[in-house]
Amino acid sequence: LWTRAGEKAKAWKAYQEVITRFINEGPFAVDAVRRCELLLREEGKRDEVLKLYQDTFKRAKRPSRAAPEFLRASNWFRLGLAYAQTLALDGKEPEARKVLNEIGVDPAAIRTR
């Protein structure tokens, strides 16, 4: 609602609250991270996008004892994948491969550019 109303600062605050309180609770937290990314890009703060994904990926918890199909639907996995793609787009391929390995994705199996 705040974004549609042109209230970017209020939208940012609302998205940050969702991220802070619910990073491991459901897919809406990943959506909040993506919306924060869009706000950062709109404001010309492209360099802060990488930090956003780095911070949120660190705070997300890897599910324990989850089947692979459920693991890949987790916020931890989805944020890790987005983080790796952002690293790759910023020319940080070694770091991107490290994150992909951590989340169990063969770096050769996905296109990061």
N, C-alpha and C. Protein backbone atom coordinates (compact mmCIF):
# COMPACT_ATOMS: atom_id res chain seq x y z
N LEU A 1 0.82 -1.20 0.00
CA LEU A 1 0.00 0.00 0.00
C LEU A 1 0.86 1.26 0.00
N TRP A 2 1.92 1.25 0.82
CA TRP A 2 2.77 2.43 0.89
C TRP A 2 3.48 2.67 -0.44
N THR A 3 3.88 1.62 -1.10
CA THR A 3 4.57 1.78 -2.38
C THR A 3 3.64 2.42 -3.40
N ARG A 4 2.42 1.89 -3.48
CA ARG A 4 1.45 2.44 -4.43
C ARG A 4 1.09 3.90 -4.11
N ALA A 5 1.17 4.25 -2.84
CA ALA A 5 0.85 5.62 -2.42
C ALA A 5 2.04 6.56 -2.62
N GLY A 6 3.16 6.02 -3.08
CA GLY A 6 4.35 6.84 -3.30
C GLY A 6 5.13 7.13 -2.03
N GLU A 7 4.82 6.43 -0.97
CA GLU A 7 5.48 6.61 0.33
C GLU A 7 6.61 5.58 0.47
N LYS A 8 7.70 5.81 -0.24
CA LYS A 8 8.78 4.84 -0.29
C LYS A 8 9.44 4.60 1.07
N ALA A 9 9.59 5.65 1.86
CA ALA A 9 10.21 5.48 3.18
C ALA A 9 9.35 4.60 4.08
N LYS A 10 8.05 4.80 4.02
CA LYS A 10 7.14 3.98 4.83
C LYS A 10 7.09 2.55 4.30
N ALA A 11 7.15 2.41 2.98
CA ALA A 11 7.17 1.07 2.39
C ALA A 11 8.44 0.33 2.84
N TRP A 12 9.57 1.02 2.77
CA TRP A 12 10.84 0.42 3.20
C TRP A 12 10.74 -0.07 4.64
N LYS A 13 10.22 0.78 5.49
CA LYS A 13 10.09 0.43 6.91
C LYS A 13 9.20 -0.79 7.11
N ALA A 14 8.10 -0.84 6.38
CA ALA A 14 7.18 -1.98 6.49
C ALA A 14 7.85 -3.27 6.00
N TYR A 15 8.54 -3.19 4.87
CA TYR A 15 9.23 -4.38 4.35
C TYR A 15 10.32 -4.84 5.32
N GLN A 16 11.06 -3.89 5.89
CA GLN A 16 12.11 -4.23 6.84
C GLN A 16 11.55 -4.91 8.08
N GLU A 17 10.40 -4.48 8.50
CA GLU A 17 9.77 -5.11 9.67
C GLU A 17 9.40 -6.57 9.37
N VAL A 18 8.87 -6.80 8.18
CA VAL A 18 8.54 -8.17 7.77
C VAL A 18 9.81 -9.02 7.75
N ILE A 19 10.88 -8.47 7.17
CA ILE A 19 12.14 -9.20 7.09
C ILE A 19 12.68 -9.50 8.49
N THR A 20 12.69 -8.51 9.33
CA THR A 20 13.24 -8.67 10.68
C THR A 20 12.45 -9.68 11.51
N ARG A 21 11.15 -9.60 11.43
CA ARG A 21 10.31 -10.43 12.29
C ARG A 21 10.01 -11.81 11.72
N PHE A 22 10.00 -11.95 10.39
CA PHE A 22 9.47 -13.17 9.79
C PHE A 22 10.38 -13.81 8.73
N ILE A 23 11.68 -13.57 8.79
CA ILE A 23 12.57 -14.05 7.74
C ILE A 23 12.47 -15.56 7.52
N ASN A 24 12.11 -16.31 8.53
CA ASN A 24 12.01 -17.77 8.40
C ASN A 24 10.59 -18.29 8.41
N GLU A 25 9.62 -17.41 8.31
CA GLU A 25 8.23 -17.81 8.52
C GLU A 25 7.39 -18.07 7.28
N GLY A 26 7.77 -17.57 6.16
CA GLY A 26 6.95 -17.80 4.97
C GLY A 26 7.47 -17.05 3.77
N PRO A 27 6.91 -17.34 2.60
CA PRO A 27 7.41 -16.76 1.36
C PRO A 27 7.25 -15.24 1.29
N PHE A 28 6.37 -14.67 2.09
CA PHE A 28 6.17 -13.22 2.07
C PHE A 28 7.43 -12.49 2.51
N ALA A 29 8.28 -13.12 3.31
CA ALA A 29 9.53 -12.49 3.73
C ALA A 29 10.49 -12.34 2.55
N VAL A 30 10.54 -13.35 1.69
CA VAL A 30 11.39 -13.27 0.50
C VAL A 30 10.83 -12.19 -0.43
N ASP A 31 9.53 -12.10 -0.53
CA ASP A 31 8.92 -11.04 -1.34
C ASP A 31 9.29 -9.67 -0.79
N ALA A 32 9.31 -9.52 0.53
CA ALA A 32 9.70 -8.25 1.15
C ALA A 32 11.14 -7.89 0.80
N VAL A 33 12.02 -8.88 0.78
CA VAL A 33 13.42 -8.63 0.40
C VAL A 33 13.49 -8.16 -1.05
N ARG A 34 12.75 -8.81 -1.92
CA ARG A 34 12.76 -8.42 -3.34
C ARG A 34 12.20 -7.02 -3.54
N ARG A 35 11.20 -6.68 -2.76
CA ARG A 35 10.63 -5.33 -2.87
C ARG A 35 11.61 -4.28 -2.34
N CYS A 36 12.37 -4.64 -1.30
CA CYS A 36 13.42 -3.74 -0.83
C CYS A 36 14.48 -3.56 -1.92
N GLU A 37 14.82 -4.65 -2.60
CA GLU A 37 15.78 -4.56 -3.70
C GLU A 37 15.28 -3.57 -4.75
N LEU A 38 14.01 -3.67 -5.11
CA LEU A 38 13.46 -2.74 -6.11
C LEU A 38 13.54 -1.29 -5.64
N LEU A 39 13.22 -1.06 -4.37
CA LEU A 39 13.31 0.30 -3.84
C LEU A 39 14.75 0.81 -3.88
N LEU A 40 15.69 -0.03 -3.53
CA LEU A 40 17.10 0.37 -3.57
C LEU A 40 17.51 0.72 -5.00
N ARG A 41 17.13 -0.11 -5.94
CA ARG A 41 17.49 0.14 -7.34
C ARG A 41 16.83 1.43 -7.86
N GLU A 42 15.58 1.65 -7.49
CA GLU A 42 14.89 2.88 -7.90
C GLU A 42 15.57 4.13 -7.35
N GLU A 43 16.16 4.00 -6.19
CA GLU A 43 16.84 5.13 -5.55
C GLU A 43 18.31 5.24 -5.98
N GLY A 44 18.72 4.38 -6.90
CA GLY A 44 20.10 4.42 -7.38
C GLY A 44 21.11 3.86 -6.39
N LYS A 45 20.65 3.01 -5.49
CA LYS A 45 21.52 2.43 -4.46
C LYS A 45 21.84 0.98 -4.78
N ARG A 46 22.26 0.77 -6.00
CA ARG A 46 22.55 -0.57 -6.49
C ARG A 46 23.58 -1.30 -5.63
N ASP A 47 24.55 -0.55 -5.11
CA ASP A 47 25.61 -1.17 -4.30
C ASP A 47 25.08 -1.72 -2.97
N GLU A 48 23.93 -1.26 -2.53
CA GLU A 48 23.37 -1.74 -1.27
C GLU A 48 22.55 -3.03 -1.43
N VAL A 49 22.25 -3.38 -2.67
CA VAL A 49 21.47 -4.60 -2.93
C VAL A 49 22.23 -5.83 -2.47
N LEU A 50 23.50 -5.87 -2.77
CA LEU A 50 24.33 -7.01 -2.37
C LEU A 50 24.34 -7.16 -0.85
N LYS A 51 24.48 -6.07 -0.15
CA LYS A 51 24.47 -6.11 1.32
C LYS A 51 23.12 -6.59 1.84
N LEU A 52 22.04 -6.17 1.21
CA LEU A 52 20.70 -6.61 1.60
C LEU A 52 20.60 -8.14 1.54
N TYR A 53 21.03 -8.71 0.41
CA TYR A 53 20.95 -10.17 0.27
C TYR A 53 21.93 -10.88 1.20
N GLN A 54 23.10 -10.32 1.37
CA GLN A 54 24.08 -10.92 2.28
C GLN A 54 23.52 -10.98 3.70
N ASP A 55 22.97 -9.89 4.16
CA ASP A 55 22.43 -9.83 5.52
C ASP A 55 21.24 -10.76 5.71
N THR A 56 20.33 -10.77 4.76
CA THR A 56 19.13 -11.60 4.92
C THR A 56 19.46 -13.08 4.80
N PHE A 57 20.39 -13.43 3.92
CA PHE A 57 20.78 -14.83 3.79
C PHE A 57 21.43 -15.32 5.08
N LYS A 58 22.26 -14.48 5.70
CA LYS A 58 22.89 -14.86 6.97
C LYS A 58 21.86 -15.10 8.07
N ARG A 59 20.79 -14.33 8.06
CA ARG A 59 19.78 -14.44 9.12
C ARG A 59 18.78 -15.57 8.88
N ALA A 60 18.65 -15.99 7.64
CA ALA A 60 17.73 -17.09 7.34
C ALA A 60 18.34 -18.40 7.85
N LYS A 61 17.50 -19.26 8.37
CA LYS A 61 17.97 -20.54 8.91
C LYS A 61 17.77 -21.66 7.90
N ARG A 62 18.80 -22.47 7.78
CA ARG A 62 18.69 -23.66 6.93
C ARG A 62 17.75 -24.64 7.62
N PRO A 63 16.75 -25.12 6.90
CA PRO A 63 15.84 -26.10 7.50
C PRO A 63 16.59 -27.38 7.86
N SER A 64 16.26 -27.94 8.98
CA SER A 64 16.90 -29.19 9.37
C SER A 64 16.02 -30.36 8.94
N ARG A 65 16.65 -31.42 8.54
CA ARG A 65 15.97 -32.67 8.15
C ARG A 65 14.85 -32.46 7.13
N ALA A 66 15.08 -31.61 6.16
CA ALA A 66 14.06 -31.38 5.13
C ALA A 66 14.43 -32.16 3.87
N ALA A 67 13.41 -32.69 3.22
CA ALA A 67 13.62 -33.34 1.94
C ALA A 67 14.07 -32.29 0.94
N PRO A 68 14.85 -32.68 -0.07
CA PRO A 68 15.38 -31.71 -1.03
C PRO A 68 14.32 -30.80 -1.65
N GLU A 69 13.15 -31.35 -1.97
CA GLU A 69 12.12 -30.52 -2.60
C GLU A 69 11.58 -29.47 -1.64
N PHE A 70 11.59 -29.75 -0.35
CA PHE A 70 11.15 -28.78 0.64
C PHE A 70 12.27 -27.78 0.96
N LEU A 71 13.49 -28.27 0.95
CA LEU A 71 14.63 -27.39 1.18
C LEU A 71 14.68 -26.29 0.13
N ARG A 72 14.44 -26.66 -1.11
CA ARG A 72 14.48 -25.68 -2.21
C ARG A 72 13.34 -24.67 -2.17
N ALA A 73 12.33 -24.95 -1.40
CA ALA A 73 11.22 -24.00 -1.25
C ALA A 73 11.42 -23.11 -0.02
N SER A 74 12.49 -23.36 0.73
CA SER A 74 12.71 -22.60 1.96
C SER A 74 13.22 -21.19 1.66
N ASN A 75 12.99 -20.29 2.59
CA ASN A 75 13.51 -18.93 2.47
C ASN A 75 15.03 -18.94 2.41
N TRP A 76 15.65 -19.81 3.19
CA TRP A 76 17.10 -19.92 3.21
C TRP A 76 17.64 -20.21 1.80
N PHE A 77 17.04 -21.18 1.13
CA PHE A 77 17.49 -21.54 -0.21
C PHE A 77 17.21 -20.42 -1.20
N ARG A 78 16.00 -19.89 -1.17
CA ARG A 78 15.61 -18.86 -2.13
C ARG A 78 16.45 -17.59 -1.97
N LEU A 79 16.73 -17.22 -0.73
CA LEU A 79 17.58 -16.05 -0.51
C LEU A 79 19.03 -16.33 -0.91
N GLY A 80 19.49 -17.55 -0.66
CA GLY A 80 20.84 -17.93 -1.06
C GLY A 80 21.00 -17.88 -2.56
N LEU A 81 20.01 -18.36 -3.28
CA LEU A 81 20.07 -18.33 -4.74
C LEU A 81 20.07 -16.89 -5.25
N ALA A 82 19.21 -16.05 -4.70
CA ALA A 82 19.18 -14.64 -5.10
C ALA A 82 20.49 -13.94 -4.75
N TYR A 83 21.04 -14.27 -3.61
CA TYR A 83 22.33 -13.70 -3.19
C TYR A 83 23.42 -14.11 -4.17
N ALA A 84 23.47 -15.39 -4.53
CA ALA A 84 24.49 -15.87 -5.47
C ALA A 84 24.34 -15.17 -6.83
N GLN A 85 23.12 -15.01 -7.29
CA GLN A 85 22.91 -14.35 -8.57
C GLN A 85 23.34 -12.88 -8.51
N THR A 86 23.08 -12.23 -7.40
CA THR A 86 23.49 -10.84 -7.24
C THR A 86 25.01 -10.74 -7.20
N LEU A 87 25.66 -11.66 -6.50
CA LEU A 87 27.12 -11.69 -6.49
C LEU A 87 27.67 -11.86 -7.90
N ALA A 88 27.11 -12.79 -8.64
CA ALA A 88 27.58 -13.05 -10.00
C ALA A 88 27.39 -11.83 -10.89
N LEU A 89 26.25 -11.17 -10.77
CA LEU A 89 26.00 -9.97 -11.57
C LEU A 89 26.96 -8.84 -11.23
N ASP A 90 27.45 -8.84 -10.00
CA ASP A 90 28.43 -7.84 -9.58
C ASP A 90 29.86 -8.27 -9.88
N GLY A 91 30.02 -9.37 -10.62
CA GLY A 91 31.34 -9.83 -11.01
C GLY A 91 32.09 -10.58 -9.94
N LYS A 92 31.38 -11.07 -8.95
CA LYS A 92 32.01 -11.80 -7.84
C LYS A 92 31.71 -13.29 -7.96
N GLU A 93 32.18 -13.86 -9.06
CA GLU A 93 31.91 -15.27 -9.37
C GLU A 93 32.39 -16.25 -8.30
N PRO A 94 33.61 -16.09 -7.75
CA PRO A 94 34.05 -17.05 -6.73
C PRO A 94 33.12 -17.06 -5.50
N GLU A 95 32.69 -15.88 -5.07
CA GLU A 95 31.78 -15.79 -3.93
C GLU A 95 30.43 -16.40 -4.28
N ALA A 96 29.98 -16.17 -5.51
CA ALA A 96 28.70 -16.74 -5.96
C ALA A 96 28.76 -18.26 -5.94
N ARG A 97 29.85 -18.83 -6.44
CA ARG A 97 30.01 -20.29 -6.43
C ARG A 97 30.01 -20.84 -5.00
N LYS A 98 30.63 -20.11 -4.09
CA LYS A 98 30.67 -20.54 -2.68
C LYS A 98 29.26 -20.62 -2.10
N VAL A 99 28.44 -19.60 -2.36
CA VAL A 99 27.06 -19.60 -1.86
C VAL A 99 26.26 -20.72 -2.51
N LEU A 100 26.42 -20.90 -3.82
CA LEU A 100 25.71 -21.98 -4.51
C LEU A 100 26.09 -23.34 -3.93
N ASN A 101 27.36 -23.54 -3.66
CA ASN A 101 27.79 -24.80 -3.04
C ASN A 101 27.16 -24.97 -1.66
N GLU A 102 27.08 -23.86 -0.91
CA GLU A 102 26.50 -23.94 0.43
C GLU A 102 25.03 -24.35 0.39
N ILE A 103 24.29 -23.88 -0.62
CA ILE A 103 22.87 -24.23 -0.69
C ILE A 103 22.63 -25.52 -1.47
N GLY A 104 23.70 -26.13 -1.96
CA GLY A 104 23.59 -27.42 -2.62
C GLY A 104 23.24 -27.35 -4.10
N VAL A 105 23.67 -26.29 -4.76
CA VAL A 105 23.41 -26.13 -6.18
C VAL A 105 24.74 -26.17 -6.93
N ASP A 106 24.80 -27.00 -7.95
CA ASP A 106 25.99 -27.06 -8.78
C ASP A 106 26.08 -25.76 -9.56
N PRO A 107 27.13 -24.97 -9.35
CA PRO A 107 27.25 -23.69 -10.06
C PRO A 107 27.15 -23.80 -11.58
N ALA A 108 27.55 -24.93 -12.12
CA ALA A 108 27.48 -25.11 -13.58
C ALA A 108 26.04 -25.33 -14.06
N ALA A 109 25.15 -25.65 -13.14
CA ALA A 109 23.78 -26.00 -13.53
C ALA A 109 22.88 -24.78 -13.71
N ILE A 110 23.32 -23.61 -13.26
CA ILE A 110 22.45 -22.45 -13.41
C ILE A 110 23.19 -21.34 -14.15
N ARG A 111 22.40 -20.49 -14.73
CA ARG A 111 22.94 -19.33 -15.44
C ARG A 111 22.85 -18.15 -14.48
N THR A 112 23.98 -17.53 -14.17
CA THR A 112 23.99 -16.40 -13.25
C THR A 112 24.12 -15.07 -13.98
N ARG A 113 24.27 -15.07 -15.25
CA ARG A 113 24.36 -13.82 -16.04
C ARG A 113 23.28 -13.81 -17.08
